[in-house]
Amino acid sequence: MKLFFSHFLRLIILLVLVAAGTFILLSFSPVDPIRAYIGNDLLHVPPEQYARIAARWGLDQPLWERFGHWFWRLLQGDMGYSMLFNMPVASVIRERFATSFALLAGAWLLSGVLGVTLGFLAGRFLHRWPDKMICRISYLLSSLPTFWIAMLLLALFAVRWPLLPVCCAWAPGNNAGTALLSERLRHLVLPVCALSLLGMGQIALHTREKIASVMKSEFIRFARAQGDKGWSLLRHQVLRHAITPALCLQFASLGELMGGALLAEKVFAYPGLGQATIDAGLRGDVPLLMGIVLFCTLLVFAGNTISAWLVVVLNRSLERPDAL
């Protein structure tokens, strides 16, 4: 219980600091929300109407007064109203994250499975040609930006060879309620592949190093002395010790995954939370940006907390005598 309250207090402090810092940074943005909202009709808007819009949105108030009003409404469960989507911020986040969840979950699982598999093979054939090839591929993927990988996949498999859809989460004319599952899965393939390659290389390299370290440990020598060898040794002894840091790294990389989703959704015009974040930034939708930032902060904090919890639980299980 004490540990729970400690994490809860850290979360509250983190959210307050992130909210204040984000609000201050957005106040220095060169984007005028009113100009972005009105668009080309700004020339036809008299100064009196412009002032009324500013007063309605609270833009005529000092910075800390605006932040105080927003924070007080947040404590009451009101995240504000999105100027871009003309609906409550909580509703926008709920709808857009429901679309992004399949993309994030698919990329998270695929990067973990491929990363651990490649790292396992590299550690099994250490300093041989499979290891060298996997390391080079992993280093290359770790250095490439997400948007470049997304555009390359788009150019190859949607333009050069039109095997998969070019964009969106479903075909034009459909929506989240009418699109078939097979249609949504086809539209997910390229974004998931682009996003999963973002973290696959890092997990593969980390798993390789862990396997190489475990292979030199004392309990592996003991297992070999008992007759355990080959793939049986790797599967029952090495992999179960190497999978722990890979799982922790997966949960700790949720922030990187969310950042990659911003670019991937923009390239593929995928109507998820990342696309909404970019649109809100370009249009100066401060309430929506604040809500998305706090929501993403919660996700990243949850991932880091689960990662720390897994380290403790899995290490305890591996330290038991029957785990060796």
Protein backbone atom coordinates (compact mmCIF):
# COMPACT_ATOMS: atom_id res chain seq x y z
CA MET A 1 0.00 0.00 0.00
CA LYS A 2 2.86 2.36 0.82
CA LEU A 3 4.41 1.67 -2.59
CA PHE A 4 1.07 2.39 -4.28
CA PHE A 5 0.72 5.78 -2.61
CA SER A 6 4.34 6.58 -3.48
CA HIS A 7 3.70 5.91 -7.18
CA PHE A 8 0.39 7.78 -7.05
CA LEU A 9 2.06 10.85 -5.52
CA ARG A 10 4.79 10.76 -8.17
CA LEU A 11 2.12 10.55 -10.87
CA ILE A 12 0.25 13.58 -9.51
CA ILE A 13 3.44 15.66 -9.31
CA LEU A 14 4.42 14.57 -12.82
CA LEU A 15 1.03 15.48 -14.29
CA VAL A 16 1.04 18.92 -12.66
CA LEU A 17 4.57 19.68 -13.90
CA VAL A 18 3.84 18.39 -17.41
CA ALA A 19 0.59 20.36 -17.57
CA ALA A 20 2.23 23.60 -16.43
CA GLY A 21 5.22 23.17 -18.75
CA THR A 22 3.05 22.32 -21.75
CA PHE A 23 0.72 25.25 -21.13
CA ILE A 24 3.66 27.67 -20.93
CA LEU A 25 5.22 26.32 -24.12
CA LEU A 26 1.92 26.52 -26.00
CA SER A 27 1.51 30.15 -24.92
CA PHE A 28 4.66 30.98 -26.91
CA SER A 29 3.39 29.22 -30.03
CA PRO A 30 3.34 31.44 -33.15
CA VAL A 31 0.01 29.89 -34.15
CA ASP A 32 -2.97 32.15 -33.46
CA PRO A 33 -5.88 29.82 -32.59
CA ILE A 34 -8.48 32.33 -33.77
CA ARG A 35 -6.78 32.92 -37.12
CA ALA A 36 -6.32 29.17 -37.60
CA TYR A 37 -9.97 28.55 -36.73
CA ILE A 38 -11.43 31.25 -38.99
CA GLY A 39 -9.05 30.67 -41.90
CA ASN A 40 -9.58 32.66 -45.08
CA ASP A 41 -12.65 34.42 -43.67
CA LEU A 42 -10.50 36.39 -41.23
CA LEU A 43 -10.58 39.46 -43.50
CA HIS A 44 -14.37 39.56 -43.17
CA VAL A 45 -14.35 39.36 -39.35
CA PRO A 46 -14.63 42.77 -37.64
CA PRO A 47 -12.38 43.50 -34.63
CA GLU A 48 -15.37 43.39 -32.27
CA GLN A 49 -16.25 39.83 -33.29
CA TYR A 50 -12.58 38.83 -33.09
CA ALA A 51 -12.48 40.19 -29.51
CA ARG A 52 -15.67 38.29 -28.60
CA ILE A 53 -14.17 35.02 -29.85
CA ALA A 54 -10.99 35.68 -27.86
CA ALA A 55 -13.06 36.40 -24.73
CA ARG A 56 -15.15 33.26 -25.23
CA TRP A 57 -12.01 31.10 -25.44
CA GLY A 58 -10.32 32.96 -22.60
CA LEU A 59 -7.47 34.17 -24.80
CA ASP A 60 -7.79 37.73 -23.49
CA GLN A 61 -6.77 36.62 -19.97
CA PRO A 62 -3.23 36.47 -18.51
CA LEU A 63 -1.32 33.19 -18.83
CA TRP A 64 -1.56 32.01 -15.23
CA GLU A 65 -5.23 32.95 -15.01
CA ARG A 66 -5.99 30.87 -18.10
CA PHE A 67 -4.00 27.96 -16.68
CA GLY A 68 -5.79 28.26 -13.32
CA HIS A 69 -9.23 28.16 -14.96
CA TRP A 70 -8.23 25.19 -17.13
CA PHE A 71 -6.71 23.30 -14.19
CA TRP A 72 -9.77 23.92 -11.99
CA ARG A 73 -12.05 22.52 -14.69
CA LEU A 74 -9.71 19.54 -15.06
CA LEU A 75 -10.05 18.76 -11.34
CA GLN A 76 -13.81 18.71 -11.88
CA GLY A 77 -13.44 16.17 -14.71
CA ASP A 78 -13.79 18.66 -17.57
CA MET A 79 -10.87 18.52 -20.02
CA GLY A 80 -12.28 21.33 -22.12
CA TYR A 81 -13.77 21.68 -25.57
CA SER A 82 -11.88 21.04 -28.80
CA MET A 83 -12.04 24.00 -31.16
CA LEU A 84 -10.92 21.80 -34.05
CA PHE A 85 -13.44 18.95 -33.70
CA ASN A 86 -16.26 20.93 -32.02
CA MET A 87 -16.70 18.30 -29.31
CA PRO A 88 -15.40 17.64 -25.78
CA VAL A 89 -11.70 16.82 -25.55
CA ALA A 90 -12.41 13.60 -23.65
CA SER A 91 -14.65 12.39 -26.50
CA VAL A 92 -11.99 13.20 -29.12
CA ILE A 93 -9.31 11.32 -27.18
CA ARG A 94 -11.61 8.34 -26.62
CA GLU A 95 -12.60 8.04 -30.30
CA ARG A 96 -9.13 8.64 -31.72
CA PHE A 97 -7.35 6.36 -29.26
CA ALA A 98 -9.82 3.58 -30.07
CA THR A 99 -8.56 3.82 -33.66
CA SER A 100 -4.90 4.09 -32.65
CA PHE A 101 -5.06 1.20 -30.18
CA ALA A 102 -4.99 -1.50 -32.88
CA LEU A 103 -2.00 0.21 -34.52
CA LEU A 104 -0.07 0.64 -31.26
CA ALA A 105 -0.88 -2.85 -29.96
CA GLY A 106 0.02 -4.53 -33.25
CA ALA A 107 3.31 -2.65 -33.57
CA TRP A 108 4.14 -3.27 -29.90
CA LEU A 109 3.59 -7.02 -30.18
CA LEU A 110 5.30 -7.39 -33.56
CA SER A 111 8.40 -5.43 -32.54
CA GLY A 112 8.70 -7.49 -29.36
CA VAL A 113 8.32 -10.87 -31.07
CA LEU A 114 10.66 -10.04 -33.96
CA GLY A 115 13.18 -8.30 -31.70
CA VAL A 116 13.42 -11.17 -29.23
CA THR A 117 13.56 -13.76 -32.04
CA LEU A 118 16.35 -11.96 -33.90
CA GLY A 119 18.23 -11.28 -30.67
CA PHE A 120 17.92 -14.94 -29.71
CA LEU A 121 19.34 -16.05 -33.07
CA ALA A 122 22.16 -13.49 -32.88
CA GLY A 123 23.10 -14.66 -29.39
CA ARG A 124 22.90 -18.30 -30.45
CA PHE A 125 25.28 -17.75 -33.37
CA LEU A 126 27.46 -15.14 -31.65
CA HIS A 127 30.22 -13.65 -33.86
CA ARG A 128 29.09 -15.76 -36.84
CA TRP A 129 27.40 -14.59 -40.02
CA PRO A 130 23.79 -14.65 -38.68
CA ASP A 131 24.89 -12.51 -35.73
CA LYS A 132 26.73 -10.04 -37.94
CA MET A 133 23.81 -9.73 -40.37
CA ILE A 134 21.23 -9.24 -37.59
CA CYS A 135 23.43 -6.65 -35.86
CA ARG A 136 23.85 -4.65 -39.07
CA ILE A 137 20.11 -4.72 -39.77
CA SER A 138 19.34 -3.72 -36.17
CA TYR A 139 21.80 -0.82 -36.22
CA LEU A 140 20.34 0.36 -39.53
CA LEU A 141 16.75 0.21 -38.29
CA SER A 142 17.66 2.00 -35.06
CA SER A 143 19.16 4.91 -37.00
CA LEU A 144 16.37 5.38 -39.56
CA PRO A 145 13.54 7.84 -38.78
CA THR A 146 10.02 6.47 -38.65
CA PHE A 147 8.64 8.74 -41.37
CA TRP A 148 11.36 7.59 -43.81
CA ILE A 149 10.56 3.92 -43.19
CA ALA A 150 6.84 4.68 -43.58
CA MET A 151 7.35 6.50 -46.89
CA LEU A 152 9.60 3.70 -48.18
CA LEU A 153 7.00 1.03 -47.38
CA LEU A 154 4.31 3.23 -48.91
CA ALA A 155 6.29 3.73 -52.12
CA LEU A 156 7.07 0.03 -52.48
CA PHE A 157 3.92 -1.82 -51.41
CA ALA A 158 1.20 0.73 -52.18
CA VAL A 159 2.55 2.60 -55.23
CA ARG A 160 5.21 0.50 -56.98
CA TRP A 161 3.41 -2.78 -56.23
CA PRO A 162 -0.19 -1.85 -55.28
CA LEU A 163 -0.69 -4.72 -52.85
CA LEU A 164 -1.93 -2.71 -49.87
CA PRO A 165 -3.99 0.48 -49.35
CA VAL A 166 -2.23 3.82 -49.61
CA CYS A 167 -3.80 5.47 -46.58
CA CYS A 168 -6.49 5.69 -43.95
CA ALA A 169 -7.91 3.11 -41.54
CA TRP A 170 -10.72 2.01 -43.89
CA ALA A 171 -11.86 2.55 -47.46
CA PRO A 172 -13.32 5.95 -48.47
CA GLY A 173 -17.03 6.11 -47.75
CA ASN A 174 -16.83 3.85 -44.71
CA ASN A 175 -16.34 4.67 -41.06
CA ALA A 176 -15.39 2.89 -37.85
CA GLY A 177 -18.88 1.40 -37.60
CA THR A 178 -19.30 0.16 -41.18
CA ALA A 179 -15.77 -0.98 -42.11
CA LEU A 180 -15.25 -4.75 -42.19
CA LEU A 181 -12.57 -6.37 -40.03
CA SER A 182 -10.67 -7.65 -43.08
CA GLU A 183 -10.68 -4.15 -44.55
CA ARG A 184 -9.33 -2.61 -41.36
CA LEU A 185 -6.62 -5.27 -41.10
CA ARG A 186 -5.43 -4.55 -44.66
CA HIS A 187 -5.16 -0.86 -43.85
CA LEU A 188 -3.21 -1.70 -40.68
CA VAL A 189 -0.44 -3.72 -42.32
CA LEU A 190 1.82 -0.91 -43.55
CA PRO A 191 1.46 1.39 -40.50
CA VAL A 192 2.09 -1.53 -38.12
CA CYS A 193 5.17 -2.63 -40.06
CA ALA A 194 6.58 0.90 -40.15
CA LEU A 195 6.00 1.45 -36.45
CA SER A 196 7.23 -1.98 -35.34
CA LEU A 197 10.57 -1.53 -37.12
CA LEU A 198 11.15 1.51 -34.88
CA GLY A 199 11.77 -0.57 -31.75
CA MET A 200 12.68 -3.96 -33.19
CA GLY A 201 16.38 -3.22 -33.66
CA GLN A 202 16.86 -1.95 -30.12
CA ILE A 203 15.15 -5.01 -28.61
CA ALA A 204 17.16 -7.38 -30.83
CA LEU A 205 20.48 -5.83 -29.80
CA HIS A 206 19.50 -5.78 -26.13
CA THR A 207 18.39 -9.44 -26.22
CA ARG A 208 21.59 -10.46 -28.01
CA GLU A 209 23.77 -8.85 -25.34
CA LYS A 210 21.75 -10.45 -22.55
CA ILE A 211 21.97 -13.90 -24.11
CA ALA A 212 25.72 -13.53 -24.62
CA SER A 213 26.05 -12.52 -20.96
CA VAL A 214 23.87 -15.38 -19.69
CA MET A 215 25.83 -17.93 -21.73
CA LYS A 216 28.96 -17.02 -19.74
CA SER A 217 27.28 -17.30 -16.32
CA GLU A 218 27.91 -19.95 -13.67
CA PHE A 219 24.44 -21.53 -13.74
CA ILE A 220 24.81 -22.23 -17.47
CA ARG A 221 28.04 -24.10 -16.77
CA PHE A 222 26.18 -26.02 -14.06
CA ALA A 223 23.33 -26.85 -16.48
CA ARG A 224 25.82 -28.08 -19.07
CA ALA A 225 27.50 -30.24 -16.45
CA GLN A 226 24.10 -31.86 -15.81
CA GLY A 227 23.79 -32.75 -19.49
CA ASP A 228 21.61 -29.88 -20.70
CA LYS A 229 22.90 -28.59 -24.04
CA GLY A 230 22.03 -27.28 -27.48
CA TRP A 231 18.59 -25.83 -28.17
CA SER A 232 17.25 -27.37 -24.96
CA LEU A 233 19.73 -25.33 -22.93
CA LEU A 234 18.87 -22.15 -24.83
CA ARG A 235 15.13 -22.67 -24.57
CA HIS A 236 14.88 -23.73 -20.92
CA GLN A 237 17.70 -21.76 -19.32
CA VAL A 238 19.02 -18.93 -21.49
CA LEU A 239 15.81 -17.58 -23.01
CA ARG A 240 13.88 -17.40 -19.73
CA HIS A 241 16.64 -15.22 -18.26
CA ALA A 242 17.04 -13.09 -21.40
CA ILE A 243 13.30 -12.46 -21.83
CA THR A 244 13.10 -10.41 -18.62
CA PRO A 245 15.00 -7.31 -19.86
CA ALA A 246 13.25 -7.57 -23.24
CA LEU A 247 9.82 -7.38 -21.58
CA CYS A 248 10.91 -4.49 -19.39
CA LEU A 249 12.31 -2.66 -22.40
CA GLN A 250 9.04 -3.19 -24.27
CA PHE A 251 6.95 -1.55 -21.58
CA ALA A 252 9.49 1.23 -21.03
CA SER A 253 9.46 2.07 -24.75
CA LEU A 254 5.78 3.11 -24.85
CA GLY A 255 6.82 6.76 -25.04
CA GLU A 256 8.98 6.10 -28.08
CA LEU A 257 6.13 4.12 -29.63
CA MET A 258 3.70 7.00 -29.11
CA GLY A 259 6.17 9.42 -30.68
CA GLY A 260 6.61 7.16 -33.69
CA ALA A 261 2.84 6.87 -34.07
CA LEU A 262 2.60 10.64 -34.61
CA LEU A 263 4.72 10.41 -37.75
CA ALA A 264 3.38 7.08 -38.97
CA GLU A 265 -0.25 8.22 -38.72
CA LYS A 266 0.59 11.45 -40.54
CA VAL A 267 2.29 9.64 -43.43
CA PHE A 268 -0.52 7.10 -43.82
CA ALA A 269 -3.31 9.63 -43.02
CA TYR A 270 -4.42 7.25 -40.28
CA PRO A 271 -7.22 8.89 -38.25
CA GLY A 272 -5.82 8.15 -34.82
CA LEU A 273 -4.56 10.05 -31.81
CA GLY A 274 -1.26 10.93 -33.50
CA GLN A 275 -3.00 12.54 -36.46
CA ALA A 276 -5.25 14.48 -34.07
CA THR A 277 -2.18 15.71 -32.17
CA ILE A 278 -0.54 17.09 -35.30
CA ASP A 279 -3.76 18.72 -36.50
CA ALA A 280 -4.33 20.29 -33.08
CA GLY A 281 -0.79 21.66 -33.07
CA LEU A 282 -1.13 23.20 -36.52
CA ARG A 283 -4.51 24.73 -35.67
CA GLY A 284 -3.60 25.90 -32.16
CA ASP A 285 -6.20 23.75 -30.39
CA VAL A 286 -4.74 24.18 -26.89
CA PRO A 287 -7.42 22.25 -24.91
CA LEU A 288 -7.04 19.20 -27.16
CA LEU A 289 -3.24 19.34 -27.05
CA MET A 290 -3.27 19.59 -23.26
CA GLY A 291 -5.62 16.62 -23.00
CA ILE A 292 -3.55 14.48 -25.36
CA VAL A 293 -0.29 15.36 -23.57
CA LEU A 294 -1.74 14.37 -20.19
CA PHE A 295 -3.21 11.17 -21.63
CA CYS A 296 0.12 10.18 -23.20
CA THR A 297 1.90 11.02 -19.94
CA LEU A 298 -0.39 8.57 -18.15
CA LEU A 299 0.38 5.85 -20.70
CA VAL A 300 4.14 6.37 -20.48
CA PHE A 301 4.04 6.43 -16.67
CA ALA A 302 2.00 3.22 -16.67
CA GLY A 303 4.51 1.57 -19.00
CA ASN A 304 7.48 2.57 -16.85
CA THR A 305 5.69 1.43 -13.68
CA ILE A 306 4.86 -1.96 -15.19
CA SER A 307 8.47 -2.25 -16.38
CA ALA A 308 9.81 -1.59 -12.87
CA TRP A 309 7.29 -4.03 -11.39
CA LEU A 310 8.29 -6.75 -13.89
CA VAL A 311 11.96 -6.36 -12.98
CA VAL A 312 11.18 -7.09 -9.32
CA VAL A 313 8.72 -9.94 -9.93
CA LEU A 314 10.68 -11.76 -12.65
CA ASN A 315 14.01 -11.42 -10.87
CA ARG A 316 12.47 -12.94 -7.74
CA SER A 317 11.11 -15.85 -9.74
CA LEU A 318 14.49 -16.45 -11.38
CA GLU A 319 16.28 -16.37 -8.04
CA ARG A 320 14.24 -19.29 -6.69
CA PRO A 321 16.18 -22.58 -6.56
CA ASP A 322 13.62 -24.35 -8.76
CA ALA A 323 14.11 -21.69 -11.48
CA LEU A 324 17.63 -22.89 -12.23
